[in-house]
Amino acid sequence: MSAEVAGDHSDDTTPFVIKYALSHDEFFEKLERAFRISKELERQLKVSLKRDLGTHNVQKPIELDVASNPDGDVSKMAESKALKRKFSPSTKPYRLVVLVTIRHSQQRTKFFTFVDAKSLDKFWKDYVNVAKSSVSGLIKKKKKKKGGKKT
């Protein structure tokens, strides 16, 4: 596997693009760094979650495939119980893709990881810990009450 990295990495805020999936530990290290970069440079940090279809064969009903079936009619699909039985939803567990992006004027910092269903709970606990520790400036502080109660 190879990574395409843009720019010189002597500066901690240099944009980079990683084109392969990181391990969870590497992902959380980069995520902490990304939070710090976005705070220092006042850039928006975007975390996207998507289902990874990967090599799973997801079949599109013929009615929706206009390229190979120009006579297809989407409205027939809603009426056809046979089609609903034929194209039942998949029960296979899919991986989750977690993608982090920060914009740097014309460049972007991007990296991602895959999360399996088995390791999802541990991943979320670690993610929440990193997010809580990294966005501490956004947590509202409780104001002290002025004066005491009058009786």
C-alpha atoms as a PDB file:
ATOM      1  CA  MET A   1       0.000   0.000   0.000  1.00  0.00           C
ATOM      2  CA  SER A   2       1.171   3.470  -0.694  1.00  0.00           C
ATOM      3  CA  ALA A   3       0.143   6.875   0.500  1.00  0.00           C
ATOM      4  CA  GLU A   4       0.073  10.010  -1.557  1.00  0.00           C
ATOM      5  CA  VAL A   5       1.167  12.849   0.634  1.00  0.00           C
ATOM      6  CA  ALA A   6       1.131  16.490  -0.438  1.00  0.00           C
ATOM      7  CA  GLY A   7       3.685  18.974   0.844  1.00  0.00           C
ATOM      8  CA  ASP A   8       6.557  19.009   3.325  1.00  0.00           C
ATOM      9  CA  HIS A   9       5.780  17.506   6.737  1.00  0.00           C
ATOM     10  CA  SER A  10       8.177  19.579   8.792  1.00  0.00           C
ATOM     11  CA  ASP A  11       5.245  21.823   9.747  1.00  0.00           C
ATOM     12  CA  ASP A  12       2.482  20.147  11.765  1.00  0.00           C
ATOM     13  CA  THR A  13      -0.239  22.023   9.846  1.00  0.00           C
ATOM     14  CA  THR A  14       0.781  20.881   6.345  1.00  0.00           C
ATOM     15  CA  PRO A  15      -2.106  19.386   4.324  1.00  0.00           C
ATOM     16  CA  PHE A  16      -1.890  15.700   3.467  1.00  0.00           C
ATOM     17  CA  VAL A  17      -4.004  13.126   1.643  1.00  0.00           C
ATOM     18  CA  ILE A  18      -3.847   9.479   2.635  1.00  0.00           C
ATOM     19  CA  LYS A  19      -5.176   7.084  -0.004  1.00  0.00           C
ATOM     20  CA  TYR A  20      -5.305   3.907   2.100  1.00  0.00           C
ATOM     21  CA  ALA A  21      -7.274   2.975   5.197  1.00  0.00           C
ATOM     22  CA  LEU A  22      -5.577   3.690   8.505  1.00  0.00           C
ATOM     23  CA  SER A  23      -5.666   1.394  11.506  1.00  0.00           C
ATOM     24  CA  HIS A  24      -7.867   2.653  14.332  1.00  0.00           C
ATOM     25  CA  ASP A  25      -4.861   3.749  16.411  1.00  0.00           C
ATOM     26  CA  GLU A  26      -3.345   5.672  13.486  1.00  0.00           C
ATOM     27  CA  PHE A  27      -6.764   7.167  12.721  1.00  0.00           C
ATOM     28  CA  PHE A  28      -7.184   8.517  16.254  1.00  0.00           C
ATOM     29  CA  GLU A  29      -3.656   9.986  16.246  1.00  0.00           C
ATOM     30  CA  LYS A  30      -4.404  11.784  12.970  1.00  0.00           C
ATOM     31  CA  LEU A  31      -7.837  12.831  14.265  1.00  0.00           C
ATOM     32  CA  GLU A  32      -6.307  14.524  17.327  1.00  0.00           C
ATOM     33  CA  ARG A  33      -3.847  16.284  15.019  1.00  0.00           C
ATOM     34  CA  ALA A  34      -6.704  17.287  12.683  1.00  0.00           C
ATOM     35  CA  PHE A  35      -8.687  18.810  15.560  1.00  0.00           C
ATOM     36  CA  ARG A  36      -5.594  20.792  16.587  1.00  0.00           C
ATOM     37  CA  ILE A  37      -4.960  21.977  12.998  1.00  0.00           C
ATOM     38  CA  SER A  38      -8.579  23.026  12.491  1.00  0.00           C
ATOM     39  CA  LYS A  39      -8.509  24.992  15.737  1.00  0.00           C
ATOM     40  CA  GLU A  40      -5.163  26.704  14.987  1.00  0.00           C
ATOM     41  CA  LEU A  41      -6.015  27.584  11.393  1.00  0.00           C
ATOM     42  CA  GLU A  42      -9.705  28.201  12.117  1.00  0.00           C
ATOM     43  CA  ARG A  43     -10.751  25.661   9.507  1.00  0.00           C
ATOM     44  CA  GLN A  44     -13.838  23.488   9.431  1.00  0.00           C
ATOM     45  CA  LEU A  45     -13.314  19.822  10.257  1.00  0.00           C
ATOM     46  CA  LYS A  46     -15.779  17.460   8.594  1.00  0.00           C
ATOM     47  CA  VAL A  47     -16.346  13.870   9.728  1.00  0.00           C
ATOM     48  CA  SER A  48     -18.375  11.737   7.303  1.00  0.00           C
ATOM     49  CA  LEU A  49     -19.823   8.309   8.000  1.00  0.00           C
ATOM     50  CA  LYS A  50     -20.810   6.045   5.122  1.00  0.00           C
ATOM     51  CA  ARG A  51     -21.647   2.415   4.596  1.00  0.00           C
ATOM     52  CA  ASP A  52     -18.917   0.577   2.701  1.00  0.00           C
ATOM     53  CA  LEU A  53     -20.463  -1.537  -0.029  1.00  0.00           C
ATOM     54  CA  GLY A  54     -17.028  -2.781  -1.048  1.00  0.00           C
ATOM     55  CA  THR A  55     -17.316  -5.905  -3.161  1.00  0.00           C
ATOM     56  CA  HIS A  56     -20.854  -6.746  -2.039  1.00  0.00           C
ATOM     57  CA  ASN A  57     -23.124  -7.316  -4.988  1.00  0.00           C
ATOM     58  CA  VAL A  58     -25.915  -4.828  -4.600  1.00  0.00           C
ATOM     59  CA  GLN A  59     -28.356  -5.348  -7.425  1.00  0.00           C
ATOM     60  CA  LYS A  60     -30.479  -2.581  -8.790  1.00  0.00           C
ATOM     61  CA  PRO A  61     -33.984  -3.560  -9.911  1.00  0.00           C
ATOM     62  CA  ILE A  62     -34.447  -3.545 -13.681  1.00  0.00           C
ATOM     63  CA  GLU A  63     -37.083  -0.810 -13.415  1.00  0.00           C
ATOM     64  CA  LEU A  64     -34.486   1.579 -12.006  1.00  0.00           C
ATOM     65  CA  ASP A  65     -31.776   0.744 -14.556  1.00  0.00           C
ATOM     66  CA  VAL A  66     -32.702   3.088 -17.394  1.00  0.00           C
ATOM     67  CA  ALA A  67     -29.443   2.502 -19.289  1.00  0.00           C
ATOM     68  CA  SER A  68     -30.066  -1.182 -20.013  1.00  0.00           C
ATOM     69  CA  ASN A  69     -33.873  -1.042 -19.851  1.00  0.00           C
ATOM     70  CA  PRO A  70     -35.186   2.187 -21.413  1.00  0.00           C
ATOM     71  CA  ASP A  71     -38.786   0.917 -21.169  1.00  0.00           C
ATOM     72  CA  GLY A  72     -38.511   0.489 -17.391  1.00  0.00           C
ATOM     73  CA  ASP A  73     -41.009   2.310 -15.220  1.00  0.00           C
ATOM     74  CA  VAL A  74     -40.150   3.209 -11.646  1.00  0.00           C
ATOM     75  CA  SER A  75     -43.829   3.499 -10.718  1.00  0.00           C
ATOM     76  CA  LYS A  76     -44.326  -0.222 -11.427  1.00  0.00           C
ATOM     77  CA  MET A  77     -41.850  -1.102  -8.716  1.00  0.00           C
ATOM     78  CA  ALA A  78     -44.040   0.327  -5.974  1.00  0.00           C
ATOM     79  CA  GLU A  79     -46.980  -1.750  -7.163  1.00  0.00           C
ATOM     80  CA  SER A  80     -45.183  -5.035  -7.700  1.00  0.00           C
ATOM     81  CA  LYS A  81     -45.145  -7.330  -4.656  1.00  0.00           C
ATOM     82  CA  ALA A  82     -43.147  -9.880  -6.631  1.00  0.00           C
ATOM     83  CA  LEU A  83     -40.380  -7.331  -7.130  1.00  0.00           C
ATOM     84  CA  LYS A  84     -40.355  -6.540  -3.423  1.00  0.00           C
ATOM     85  CA  ARG A  85     -39.923 -10.230  -2.595  1.00  0.00           C
ATOM     86  CA  LYS A  86     -37.306 -10.694  -5.314  1.00  0.00           C
ATOM     87  CA  PHE A  87     -35.165  -7.751  -4.195  1.00  0.00           C
ATOM     88  CA  SER A  88     -35.215  -8.209  -0.448  1.00  0.00           C
ATOM     89  CA  PRO A  89     -32.763  -6.136   1.575  1.00  0.00           C
ATOM     90  CA  SER A  90     -29.390  -7.643   2.310  1.00  0.00           C
ATOM     91  CA  THR A  91     -28.776  -8.937   5.826  1.00  0.00           C
ATOM     92  CA  LYS A  92     -24.988  -8.884   5.437  1.00  0.00           C
ATOM     93  CA  PRO A  93     -23.184  -6.628   7.906  1.00  0.00           C
ATOM     94  CA  TYR A  94     -21.437  -3.769   6.136  1.00  0.00           C
ATOM     95  CA  ARG A  95     -18.329  -1.946   7.265  1.00  0.00           C
ATOM     96  CA  LEU A  96     -18.511   1.707   8.176  1.00  0.00           C
ATOM     97  CA  VAL A  97     -16.190   4.204   6.475  1.00  0.00           C
ATOM     98  CA  VAL A  98     -15.196   7.151   8.672  1.00  0.00           C
ATOM     99  CA  LEU A  99     -13.697   9.969   6.583  1.00  0.00           C
ATOM    100  CA  VAL A 100     -12.170  13.148   8.023  1.00  0.00           C
ATOM    101  CA  THR A 101     -11.601  16.228   5.835  1.00  0.00           C
ATOM    102  CA  ILE A 102     -10.147  19.683   6.548  1.00  0.00           C
ATOM    103  CA  ARG A 103      -9.923  22.357   3.848  1.00  0.00           C
ATOM    104  CA  HIS A 104      -6.715  24.376   3.440  1.00  0.00           C
ATOM    105  CA  SER A 105      -7.526  27.056   0.830  1.00  0.00           C
ATOM    106  CA  GLN A 106      -7.066  24.975  -2.365  1.00  0.00           C
ATOM    107  CA  GLN A 107      -5.881  21.776  -0.669  1.00  0.00           C
ATOM    108  CA  ARG A 108      -7.514  19.320   1.694  1.00  0.00           C
ATOM    109  CA  THR A 109      -6.376  17.078   4.480  1.00  0.00           C
ATOM    110  CA  LYS A 110      -8.131  13.727   4.129  1.00  0.00           C
ATOM    111  CA  PHE A 111      -7.855  10.370   5.842  1.00  0.00           C
ATOM    112  CA  PHE A 112     -10.173   7.484   6.634  1.00  0.00           C
ATOM    113  CA  THR A 113     -10.612   4.153   8.362  1.00  0.00           C
ATOM    114  CA  PHE A 114     -12.956   1.188   8.146  1.00  0.00           C
ATOM    115  CA  VAL A 115     -14.915  -0.025  11.165  1.00  0.00           C
ATOM    116  CA  ASP A 116     -16.331  -3.544  11.310  1.00  0.00           C
ATOM    117  CA  ALA A 117     -19.570  -4.277  13.137  1.00  0.00           C
ATOM    118  CA  LYS A 118     -17.661  -6.277  15.783  1.00  0.00           C
ATOM    119  CA  SER A 119     -15.382  -3.396  16.748  1.00  0.00           C
ATOM    120  CA  LEU A 120     -17.975  -0.615  16.465  1.00  0.00           C
ATOM    121  CA  ASP A 121     -18.575  -0.167  20.223  1.00  0.00           C
ATOM    122  CA  LYS A 122     -14.870   0.159  21.036  1.00  0.00           C
ATOM    123  CA  PHE A 123     -14.373   2.520  18.086  1.00  0.00           C
ATOM    124  CA  TRP A 124     -17.195   4.833  19.259  1.00  0.00           C
ATOM    125  CA  LYS A 125     -15.850   4.948  22.818  1.00  0.00           C
ATOM    126  CA  ASP A 126     -12.392   5.893  21.535  1.00  0.00           C
ATOM    127  CA  TYR A 127     -13.863   8.408  19.064  1.00  0.00           C
ATOM    128  CA  VAL A 128     -15.930  10.099  21.772  1.00  0.00           C
ATOM    129  CA  ASN A 129     -12.879  10.340  24.055  1.00  0.00           C
ATOM    130  CA  VAL A 130     -10.800  11.977  21.308  1.00  0.00           C
ATOM    131  CA  ALA A 131     -13.615  14.338  20.345  1.00  0.00           C
ATOM    132  CA  LYS A 132     -14.317  15.374  23.954  1.00  0.00           C
ATOM    133  CA  SER A 133     -10.665  16.036  24.718  1.00  0.00           C
ATOM    134  CA  SER A 134     -10.096  17.908  21.445  1.00  0.00           C
ATOM    135  CA  VAL A 135     -13.089  20.251  21.476  1.00  0.00           C
ATOM    136  CA  SER A 136     -12.813  21.358  25.080  1.00  0.00           C
ATOM    137  CA  GLY A 137     -13.000  25.020  24.026  1.00  0.00           C
ATOM    138  CA  LEU A 138     -16.548  24.494  22.810  1.00  0.00           C
ATOM    139  CA  ILE A 139     -17.910  23.261  26.123  1.00  0.00           C
ATOM    140  CA  LYS A 140     -19.857  25.966  27.917  1.00  0.00           C
ATOM    141  CA  LYS A 141     -18.667  26.779  31.391  1.00  0.00           C
ATOM    142  CA  LYS A 142     -21.183  27.208  34.170  1.00  0.00           C
ATOM    143  CA  LYS A 143     -21.520  30.747  35.395  1.00  0.00           C
ATOM    144  CA  LYS A 144     -21.150  31.442  39.067  1.00  0.00           C
ATOM    145  CA  LYS A 145     -24.209  32.821  40.744  1.00  0.00           C
ATOM    146  CA  LYS A 146     -23.808  36.352  41.993  1.00  0.00           C
ATOM    147  CA  GLY A 147     -24.954  37.006  45.511  1.00  0.00           C
ATOM    148  CA  GLY A 148     -26.818  34.664  47.771  1.00  0.00           C
ATOM    149  CA  LYS A 149     -30.445  33.894  48.325  1.00  0.00           C
ATOM    150  CA  LYS A 150     -32.346  36.424  50.364  1.00  0.00           C
ATOM    151  CA  THR A 151     -34.509  35.042  53.112  1.00  0.00           C
END
